[in-house]
């Protein structure tokens, strides 16, 4: 959360949240529980989900 907030990825320009708290928890668990060889793919997936253009 701190990283996303600091990099202005947590909220839309109007102040609304990009992702709900439970979605952030699910994405964090997805990355944490993925196989080590799949972590880069999972991180890329999450980055694409929270991309500024979305």
PDB file of N, CA and C in Angstrom:
ATOM      1  N   UNK A   1       0.816  -1.177   0.000  1.00  0.00           N
ATOM      2  CA  UNK A   1       0.000   0.000   0.000  1.00  0.00           C
ATOM      3  C   UNK A   1       0.871   1.256   0.000  1.00  0.00           C
ATOM      4  N   UNK A   2       1.893   1.252   0.827  1.00  0.00           N
ATOM      5  CA  UNK A   2       2.781   2.413   0.908  1.00  0.00           C
ATOM      6  C   UNK A   2       3.449   2.654  -0.438  1.00  0.00           C
ATOM      7  N   UNK A   3       3.952   1.580  -1.065  1.00  0.00           N
ATOM      8  CA  UNK A   3       4.618   1.706  -2.358  1.00  0.00           C
ATOM      9  C   UNK A   3       3.654   2.264  -3.402  1.00  0.00           C
ATOM     10  N   UNK A   4       2.445   1.733  -3.457  1.00  0.00           N
ATOM     11  CA  UNK A   4       1.460   2.199  -4.429  1.00  0.00           C
ATOM     12  C   UNK A   4       1.087   3.661  -4.175  1.00  0.00           C
ATOM     13  N   UNK A   5       0.914   4.024  -2.925  1.00  0.00           N
ATOM     14  CA  UNK A   5       0.563   5.397  -2.588  1.00  0.00           C
ATOM     15  C   UNK A   5       1.705   6.348  -2.932  1.00  0.00           C
ATOM     16  N   UNK A   6       2.900   5.966  -2.599  1.00  0.00           N
ATOM     17  CA  UNK A   6       4.066   6.817  -2.862  1.00  0.00           C
ATOM     18  C   UNK A   6       4.287   7.027  -4.356  1.00  0.00           C
ATOM     19  N   UNK A   7       3.965   6.022  -5.156  1.00  0.00           N
ATOM     20  CA  UNK A   7       4.133   6.116  -6.601  1.00  0.00           C
ATOM     21  C   UNK A   7       2.852   6.539  -7.320  1.00  0.00           C
ATOM     22  N   UNK A   8       1.910   7.039  -6.548  1.00  0.00           N
ATOM     23  CA  UNK A   8       0.640   7.565  -7.068  1.00  0.00           C
ATOM     24  C   UNK A   8      -0.107   6.564  -7.937  1.00  0.00           C
ATOM     25  N   UNK A   9      -0.097   5.301  -7.502  1.00  0.00           N
ATOM     26  CA  UNK A   9      -0.808   4.238  -8.215  1.00  0.00           C
ATOM     27  C   UNK A   9      -2.008   3.735  -7.432  1.00  0.00           C
ATOM     28  N   UNK A  10      -2.179   4.202  -6.226  1.00  0.00           N
ATOM     29  CA  UNK A  10      -3.248   3.696  -5.367  1.00  0.00           C
ATOM     30  C   UNK A  10      -4.602   4.320  -5.707  1.00  0.00           C
ATOM     31  N   UNK A  11      -4.593   5.568  -6.150  1.00  0.00           N
ATOM     32  CA  UNK A  11      -5.851   6.279  -6.408  1.00  0.00           C
ATOM     33  C   UNK A  11      -5.871   6.884  -7.806  1.00  0.00           C
ATOM     34  N   UNK A  12      -7.077   7.074  -8.315  1.00  0.00           N
ATOM     35  CA  UNK A  12      -7.291   7.799  -9.562  1.00  0.00           C
ATOM     36  C   UNK A  12      -7.051   9.288  -9.302  1.00  0.00           C
ATOM     37  N   UNK A  13      -6.868  10.081 -10.359  1.00  0.00           N
ATOM     38  CA  UNK A  13      -6.679  11.528 -10.157  1.00  0.00           C
ATOM     39  C   UNK A  13      -7.815  12.203  -9.380  1.00  0.00           C
ATOM     40  N   UNK A  14      -9.031  11.661  -9.477  1.00  0.00           N
ATOM     41  CA  UNK A  14     -10.157  12.252  -8.740  1.00  0.00           C
ATOM     42  C   UNK A  14     -10.196  11.830  -7.271  1.00  0.00           C
ATOM     43  N   UNK A  15      -9.243  10.997  -6.836  1.00  0.00           N
ATOM     44  CA  UNK A  15      -9.164  10.573  -5.440  1.00  0.00           C
ATOM     45  C   UNK A  15      -9.795   9.235  -5.138  1.00  0.00           C
ATOM     46  N   UNK A  16     -10.517   8.652  -6.078  1.00  0.00           N
ATOM     47  CA  UNK A  16     -11.120   7.338  -5.842  1.00  0.00           C
ATOM     48  C   UNK A  16     -10.061   6.249  -5.939  1.00  0.00           C
ATOM     49  N   UNK A  17     -10.280   5.171  -5.198  1.00  0.00           N
ATOM     50  CA  UNK A  17      -9.312   4.069  -5.159  1.00  0.00           C
ATOM     51  C   UNK A  17      -9.314   3.288  -6.465  1.00  0.00           C
ATOM     52  N   UNK A  18      -8.146   2.862  -6.923  1.00  0.00           N
ATOM     53  CA  UNK A  18      -8.034   2.030  -8.120  1.00  0.00           C
ATOM     54  C   UNK A  18      -8.484   0.606  -7.827  1.00  0.00           C
ATOM     55  N   UNK A  19      -8.084   0.091  -6.680  1.00  0.00           N
ATOM     56  CA  UNK A  19      -8.421  -1.269  -6.289  1.00  0.00           C
ATOM     57  C   UNK A  19      -8.925  -1.279  -4.847  1.00  0.00           C
ATOM     58  N   UNK A  20      -9.896  -2.123  -4.592  1.00  0.00           N
ATOM     59  CA  UNK A  20     -10.395  -2.284  -3.230  1.00  0.00           C
ATOM     60  C   UNK A  20      -9.352  -3.009  -2.383  1.00  0.00           C
ATOM     61  N   UNK A  21      -9.445  -2.849  -1.078  1.00  0.00           N
ATOM     62  CA  UNK A  21      -8.481  -3.487  -0.176  1.00  0.00           C
ATOM     63  C   UNK A  21      -8.440  -5.002  -0.355  1.00  0.00           C
ATOM     64  N   UNK A  22      -9.613  -5.627  -0.511  1.00  0.00           N
ATOM     65  CA  UNK A  22      -9.626  -7.083  -0.649  1.00  0.00           C
ATOM     66  C   UNK A  22      -8.985  -7.514  -1.979  1.00  0.00           C
ATOM     67  N   UNK A  23      -9.070  -6.691  -3.012  1.00  0.00           N
ATOM     68  CA  UNK A  23      -8.402  -7.003  -4.276  1.00  0.00           C
ATOM     69  C   UNK A  23      -6.887  -6.909  -4.110  1.00  0.00           C
ATOM     70  N   UNK A  24      -6.419  -5.916  -3.372  1.00  0.00           N
ATOM     71  CA  UNK A  24      -4.981  -5.797  -3.114  1.00  0.00           C
ATOM     72  C   UNK A  24      -4.458  -6.986  -2.327  1.00  0.00           C
ATOM     73  N   UNK A  25      -5.234  -7.440  -1.348  1.00  0.00           N
ATOM     74  CA  UNK A  25      -4.838  -8.618  -0.569  1.00  0.00           C
ATOM     75  C   UNK A  25      -4.776  -9.842  -1.468  1.00  0.00           C
ATOM     76  N   UNK A  26      -5.769 -10.016  -2.311  1.00  0.00           N
ATOM     77  CA  UNK A  26      -5.788 -11.177  -3.214  1.00  0.00           C
ATOM     78  C   UNK A  26      -4.604 -11.154  -4.174  1.00  0.00           C
ATOM     79  N   UNK A  27      -4.272  -9.993  -4.715  1.00  0.00           N
ATOM     80  CA  UNK A  27      -3.139  -9.902  -5.634  1.00  0.00           C
ATOM     81  C   UNK A  27      -1.815 -10.162  -4.914  1.00  0.00           C
ATOM     82  N   UNK A  28      -1.708  -9.669  -3.682  1.00  0.00           N
ATOM     83  CA  UNK A  28      -0.503  -9.917  -2.887  1.00  0.00           C
ATOM     84  C   UNK A  28      -0.329 -11.409  -2.616  1.00  0.00           C
ATOM     85  N   UNK A  29      -1.418 -12.069  -2.247  1.00  0.00           N
ATOM     86  CA  UNK A  29      -1.355 -13.510  -1.996  1.00  0.00           C
ATOM     87  C   UNK A  29      -1.056 -14.287  -3.276  1.00  0.00           C
ATOM     88  N   UNK A  30      -1.589 -13.832  -4.391  1.00  0.00           N
ATOM     89  CA  UNK A  30      -1.318 -14.469  -5.672  1.00  0.00           C
ATOM     90  C   UNK A  30       0.179 -14.464  -5.965  1.00  0.00           C
ATOM     91  N   UNK A  31       0.814 -13.339  -5.759  1.00  0.00           N
ATOM     92  CA  UNK A  31       2.262 -13.245  -5.988  1.00  0.00           C
ATOM     93  C   UNK A  31       3.023 -14.072  -4.963  1.00  0.00           C
ATOM     94  N   UNK A  32       2.645 -13.957  -3.687  1.00  0.00           N
ATOM     95  CA  UNK A  32       3.365 -14.662  -2.628  1.00  0.00           C
ATOM     96  C   UNK A  32       3.279 -16.174  -2.768  1.00  0.00           C
ATOM     97  N   UNK A  33       2.161 -16.678  -3.225  1.00  0.00           N
ATOM     98  CA  UNK A  33       1.969 -18.123  -3.323  1.00  0.00           C
ATOM     99  C   UNK A  33       2.376 -18.705  -4.677  1.00  0.00           C
ATOM    100  N   UNK A  34       2.774 -17.867  -5.608  1.00  0.00           N
ATOM    101  CA  UNK A  34       3.149 -18.383  -6.926  1.00  0.00           C
ATOM    102  C   UNK A  34       4.511 -19.068  -6.866  1.00  0.00           C
ATOM    103  N   UNK A  35       4.747 -19.932  -7.821  1.00  0.00           N
ATOM    104  CA  UNK A  35       6.035 -20.612  -7.913  1.00  0.00           C
ATOM    105  C   UNK A  35       7.123 -19.579  -8.189  1.00  0.00           C
ATOM    106  N   UNK A  36       8.331 -19.797  -7.669  1.00  0.00           N
ATOM    107  CA  UNK A  36       9.406 -18.830  -7.890  1.00  0.00           C
ATOM    108  C   UNK A  36       9.648 -18.507  -9.370  1.00  0.00           C
ATOM    109  N   UNK A  37       9.526 -19.499 -10.227  1.00  0.00           N
ATOM    110  CA  UNK A  37       9.762 -19.248 -11.648  1.00  0.00           C
ATOM    111  C   UNK A  37       8.624 -18.467 -12.310  1.00  0.00           C
ATOM    112  N   UNK A  38       7.480 -18.361 -11.635  1.00  0.00           N
ATOM    113  CA  UNK A  38       6.335 -17.625 -12.168  1.00  0.00           C
ATOM    114  C   UNK A  38       6.170 -16.234 -11.562  1.00  0.00           C
ATOM    115  N   UNK A  39       7.006 -15.872 -10.581  1.00  0.00           N
ATOM    116  CA  UNK A  39       6.840 -14.598  -9.886  1.00  0.00           C
ATOM    117  C   UNK A  39       6.944 -13.401 -10.828  1.00  0.00           C
ATOM    118  N   UNK A  40       7.887 -13.415 -11.751  1.00  0.00           N
ATOM    119  CA  UNK A  40       8.032 -12.288 -12.680  1.00  0.00           C
ATOM    120  C   UNK A  40       6.770 -12.113 -13.519  1.00  0.00           C
ATOM    121  N   UNK A  41       6.173 -13.210 -13.943  1.00  0.00           N
ATOM    122  CA  UNK A  41       4.936 -13.138 -14.717  1.00  0.00           C
ATOM    123  C   UNK A  41       3.810 -12.569 -13.871  1.00  0.00           C
ATOM    124  N   UNK A  42       3.713 -13.000 -12.625  1.00  0.00           N
ATOM    125  CA  UNK A  42       2.656 -12.514 -11.740  1.00  0.00           C
ATOM    126  C   UNK A  42       2.829 -11.021 -11.444  1.00  0.00           C
ATOM    127  N   UNK A  43       4.059 -10.604 -11.213  1.00  0.00           N
ATOM    128  CA  UNK A  43       4.317  -9.185 -10.951  1.00  0.00           C
ATOM    129  C   UNK A  43       3.941  -8.353 -12.172  1.00  0.00           C
ATOM    130  N   UNK A  44       4.301  -8.825 -13.358  1.00  0.00           N
ATOM    131  CA  UNK A  44       3.936  -8.120 -14.590  1.00  0.00           C
ATOM    132  C   UNK A  44       2.420  -8.019 -14.726  1.00  0.00           C
ATOM    133  N   UNK A  45       1.726  -9.089 -14.392  1.00  0.00           N
ATOM    134  CA  UNK A  45       0.264  -9.094 -14.438  1.00  0.00           C
ATOM    135  C   UNK A  45      -0.317  -8.028 -13.515  1.00  0.00           C
ATOM    136  N   UNK A  46       0.167  -7.965 -12.290  1.00  0.00           N
ATOM    137  CA  UNK A  46      -0.338  -6.995 -11.326  1.00  0.00           C
ATOM    138  C   UNK A  46      -0.005  -5.577 -11.765  1.00  0.00           C
ATOM    139  N   UNK A  47       1.194  -5.366 -12.261  1.00  0.00           N
ATOM    140  CA  UNK A  47       1.574  -4.028 -12.739  1.00  0.00           C
ATOM    141  C   UNK A  47       0.650  -3.592 -13.865  1.00  0.00           C
ATOM    142  N   UNK A  48       0.325  -4.505 -14.761  1.00  0.00           N
ATOM    143  CA  UNK A  48      -0.602  -4.170 -15.852  1.00  0.00           C
ATOM    144  C   UNK A  48      -1.996  -3.867 -15.325  1.00  0.00           C
ATOM    145  N   UNK A  49      -2.401  -4.512 -14.249  1.00  0.00           N
ATOM    146  CA  UNK A  49      -3.715  -4.256 -13.675  1.00  0.00           C
ATOM    147  C   UNK A  49      -3.821  -2.863 -13.050  1.00  0.00           C
ATOM    148  N   UNK A  50      -2.727  -2.395 -12.457  1.00  0.00           N
ATOM    149  CA  UNK A  50      -2.767  -1.106 -11.779  1.00  0.00           C
ATOM    150  C   UNK A  50      -2.083  -0.002 -12.578  1.00  0.00           C
ATOM    151  N   UNK A  51      -1.839  -0.262 -13.834  1.00  0.00           N
ATOM    152  CA  UNK A  51      -1.202   0.695 -14.714  1.00  0.00           C
ATOM    153  C   UNK A  51      -1.968   2.015 -14.692  1.00  0.00           C
ATOM    154  N   UNK A  52      -1.258   3.103 -14.810  1.00  0.00           N
ATOM    155  CA  UNK A  52      -1.864   4.439 -14.794  1.00  0.00           C
ATOM    156  C   UNK A  52      -2.895   4.630 -15.882  1.00  0.00           C
ATOM    157  N   UNK A  53      -2.783   3.903 -17.002  1.00  0.00           N
ATOM    158  CA  UNK A  53      -3.693   4.082 -18.120  1.00  0.00           C
ATOM    159  C   UNK A  53      -5.034   3.382 -17.915  1.00  0.00           C
ATOM    160  N   UNK A  54      -5.159   2.581 -16.876  1.00  0.00           N
ATOM    161  CA  UNK A  54      -6.406   1.835 -16.628  1.00  0.00           C
ATOM    162  C   UNK A  54      -7.378   2.657 -15.810  1.00  0.00           C
TER     163      UNK A  54
END
